[in-house]
Amino acid sequence: RDYKVTGVQTCALPIFWVEAIGVAAGFLGVIAWFPQIRKVWSEGKHEGISLSTFALVSTSLGLWLIYGVVIESVAMVLANIAALSCIIAIIVGVLRLRRES
């Protein structure tokens, strides 16, 4: 199946390329969370982390995950599962640290 991508010109991109772009975007989005995970789990620092913000981000990612399932986008599903895993790791780490202090 092809997606129609419209802009100045109309072109049809094969699903492979659309998904490849999605995988690349998802990969970069997940990597962006690694410094925060390291700060919480390796350095034991949790100051300035808003759990309510992370809850909102988790809700957003969950909705994007559902959307990815509905449109059958493997890239979107994988990226959102990976991002949710990162967010959950941060939330669990912060809760653990805040209980200890």
C-alpha atoms as a PDB file:
ATOM      1  CA  ARG A   1       0.000   0.000   0.000  1.00  0.00           C
ATOM      2  CA  ASP A   2       1.202   3.537  -0.718  1.00  0.00           C
ATOM      3  CA  TYR A   3       0.713   6.694   1.287  1.00  0.00           C
ATOM      4  CA  LYS A   4      -0.016   9.849  -0.629  1.00  0.00           C
ATOM      5  CA  VAL A   5       2.206  12.625   0.635  1.00  0.00           C
ATOM      6  CA  THR A   6       1.032  16.025  -0.482  1.00  0.00           C
ATOM      7  CA  GLY A   7       2.910  19.255  -0.451  1.00  0.00           C
ATOM      8  CA  VAL A   8       4.094  21.502  -3.241  1.00  0.00           C
ATOM      9  CA  GLN A   9       4.187  18.387  -5.383  1.00  0.00           C
ATOM     10  CA  THR A  10       2.166  15.228  -4.940  1.00  0.00           C
ATOM     11  CA  CYS A  11       4.137  11.995  -4.847  1.00  0.00           C
ATOM     12  CA  ALA A  12       3.500   8.470  -3.737  1.00  0.00           C
ATOM     13  CA  LEU A  13       5.983   6.995  -1.272  1.00  0.00           C
ATOM     14  CA  PRO A  14       6.140   3.234  -0.870  1.00  0.00           C
ATOM     15  CA  ILE A  15       5.116   2.093   2.600  1.00  0.00           C
ATOM     16  CA  PHE A  16       8.688   0.895   3.210  1.00  0.00           C
ATOM     17  CA  TRP A  17      10.050   4.452   3.035  1.00  0.00           C
ATOM     18  CA  VAL A  18       7.237   5.900   5.115  1.00  0.00           C
ATOM     19  CA  GLU A  19       7.903   3.293   7.813  1.00  0.00           C
ATOM     20  CA  ALA A  20      11.684   3.838   7.532  1.00  0.00           C
ATOM     21  CA  ILE A  21      11.201   7.539   8.234  1.00  0.00           C
ATOM     22  CA  GLY A  22       9.001   6.610  11.193  1.00  0.00           C
ATOM     23  CA  VAL A  23      11.605   4.182  12.542  1.00  0.00           C
ATOM     24  CA  ALA A  24      14.329   6.841  12.271  1.00  0.00           C
ATOM     25  CA  ALA A  25      12.162   9.418  14.053  1.00  0.00           C
ATOM     26  CA  GLY A  26      11.202   6.916  16.745  1.00  0.00           C
ATOM     27  CA  PHE A  27      14.826   5.885  17.272  1.00  0.00           C
ATOM     28  CA  LEU A  28      15.907   9.499  17.780  1.00  0.00           C
ATOM     29  CA  GLY A  29      12.956  10.146  20.080  1.00  0.00           C
ATOM     30  CA  VAL A  30      13.856   7.187  22.274  1.00  0.00           C
ATOM     31  CA  ILE A  31      17.553   8.090  22.410  1.00  0.00           C
ATOM     32  CA  ALA A  32      16.539  11.521  23.698  1.00  0.00           C
ATOM     33  CA  TRP A  33      15.334   9.886  26.950  1.00  0.00           C
ATOM     34  CA  PHE A  34      18.617   8.068  27.693  1.00  0.00           C
ATOM     35  CA  PRO A  35      20.323  10.999  29.509  1.00  0.00           C
ATOM     36  CA  GLN A  36      17.308  11.323  31.814  1.00  0.00           C
ATOM     37  CA  ILE A  37      17.275   7.585  32.521  1.00  0.00           C
ATOM     38  CA  ARG A  38      21.015   7.696  33.299  1.00  0.00           C
ATOM     39  CA  LYS A  39      20.561  10.686  35.618  1.00  0.00           C
ATOM     40  CA  VAL A  40      17.815   8.918  37.589  1.00  0.00           C
ATOM     41  CA  TRP A  41      19.161   5.358  37.674  1.00  0.00           C
ATOM     42  CA  SER A  42      22.949   5.811  37.615  1.00  0.00           C
ATOM     43  CA  GLU A  43      23.408   9.139  39.344  1.00  0.00           C
ATOM     44  CA  GLY A  44      20.392   8.913  41.653  1.00  0.00           C
ATOM     45  CA  LYS A  45      19.225  12.431  40.799  1.00  0.00           C
ATOM     46  CA  HIS A  46      15.531  13.207  40.504  1.00  0.00           C
ATOM     47  CA  GLU A  47      15.311  16.897  41.306  1.00  0.00           C
ATOM     48  CA  GLY A  48      13.291  18.906  38.843  1.00  0.00           C
ATOM     49  CA  ILE A  49      11.420  15.946  37.414  1.00  0.00           C
ATOM     50  CA  SER A  50       7.683  16.538  37.301  1.00  0.00           C
ATOM     51  CA  LEU A  51       5.777  13.280  37.606  1.00  0.00           C
ATOM     52  CA  SER A  52       2.593  14.987  36.436  1.00  0.00           C
ATOM     53  CA  THR A  53       4.378  16.014  33.232  1.00  0.00           C
ATOM     54  CA  PHE A  54       5.649  12.474  32.754  1.00  0.00           C
ATOM     55  CA  ALA A  55       2.126  11.138  33.327  1.00  0.00           C
ATOM     56  CA  LEU A  56       0.831  13.481  30.630  1.00  0.00           C
ATOM     57  CA  VAL A  57       3.600  12.421  28.231  1.00  0.00           C
ATOM     58  CA  SER A  58       2.775   8.767  28.978  1.00  0.00           C
ATOM     59  CA  THR A  59      -0.882   9.380  28.166  1.00  0.00           C
ATOM     60  CA  SER A  60       0.084  11.075  24.919  1.00  0.00           C
ATOM     61  CA  LEU A  61       2.402   8.211  23.948  1.00  0.00           C
ATOM     62  CA  GLY A  62      -0.307   5.703  24.821  1.00  0.00           C
ATOM     63  CA  LEU A  63      -2.729   7.455  22.497  1.00  0.00           C
ATOM     64  CA  TRP A  64      -0.105   7.562  19.733  1.00  0.00           C
ATOM     65  CA  LEU A  65       0.434   3.840  20.299  1.00  0.00           C
ATOM     66  CA  ILE A  66      -3.279   3.164  19.846  1.00  0.00           C
ATOM     67  CA  TYR A  67      -3.270   5.327  16.727  1.00  0.00           C
ATOM     68  CA  GLY A  68      -0.302   3.367  15.365  1.00  0.00           C
ATOM     69  CA  VAL A  69      -2.138   0.099  15.940  1.00  0.00           C
ATOM     70  CA  VAL A  70      -5.267   1.434  14.219  1.00  0.00           C
ATOM     71  CA  ILE A  71      -3.372   2.597  11.109  1.00  0.00           C
ATOM     72  CA  GLU A  72      -1.175  -0.534  11.221  1.00  0.00           C
ATOM     73  CA  SER A  73       2.113   1.374  11.407  1.00  0.00           C
ATOM     74  CA  VAL A  74       4.819  -0.913  12.721  1.00  0.00           C
ATOM     75  CA  ALA A  75       7.197   2.030  13.132  1.00  0.00           C
ATOM     76  CA  MET A  76       4.721   4.029  15.201  1.00  0.00           C
ATOM     77  CA  VAL A  77       3.847   1.064  17.389  1.00  0.00           C
ATOM     78  CA  LEU A  78       7.490   0.135  18.065  1.00  0.00           C
ATOM     79  CA  ALA A  79       8.586   3.730  18.658  1.00  0.00           C
ATOM     80  CA  ASN A  80       5.787   4.375  21.136  1.00  0.00           C
ATOM     81  CA  ILE A  81       6.349   1.109  22.995  1.00  0.00           C
ATOM     82  CA  ALA A  82      10.058   1.981  23.297  1.00  0.00           C
ATOM     83  CA  ALA A  83       9.328   5.566  24.385  1.00  0.00           C
ATOM     84  CA  LEU A  84       6.739   4.406  26.929  1.00  0.00           C
ATOM     85  CA  SER A  85       9.310   1.954  28.304  1.00  0.00           C
ATOM     86  CA  CYS A  86      11.770   4.821  28.783  1.00  0.00           C
ATOM     87  CA  ILE A  87       9.147   6.999  30.486  1.00  0.00           C
ATOM     88  CA  ILE A  88       8.093   4.146  32.777  1.00  0.00           C
ATOM     89  CA  ALA A  89      11.746   3.522  33.695  1.00  0.00           C
ATOM     90  CA  ILE A  90      12.116   7.185  34.643  1.00  0.00           C
ATOM     91  CA  ILE A  91       8.869   7.273  36.647  1.00  0.00           C
ATOM     92  CA  VAL A  92       9.752   4.076  38.544  1.00  0.00           C
ATOM     93  CA  GLY A  93      13.257   5.395  39.251  1.00  0.00           C
ATOM     94  CA  VAL A  94      11.970   8.742  40.504  1.00  0.00           C
ATOM     95  CA  LEU A  95       9.369   7.097  42.740  1.00  0.00           C
ATOM     96  CA  ARG A  96      12.036   4.780  44.157  1.00  0.00           C
ATOM     97  CA  LEU A  97      14.397   7.687  44.858  1.00  0.00           C
ATOM     98  CA  ARG A  98      11.691   9.841  46.423  1.00  0.00           C
ATOM     99  CA  ARG A  99      10.604   7.006  48.711  1.00  0.00           C
ATOM    100  CA  GLU A 100      14.185   6.568  49.905  1.00  0.00           C
ATOM    101  CA  SER A 101      14.662  10.260  50.712  1.00  0.00           C
END
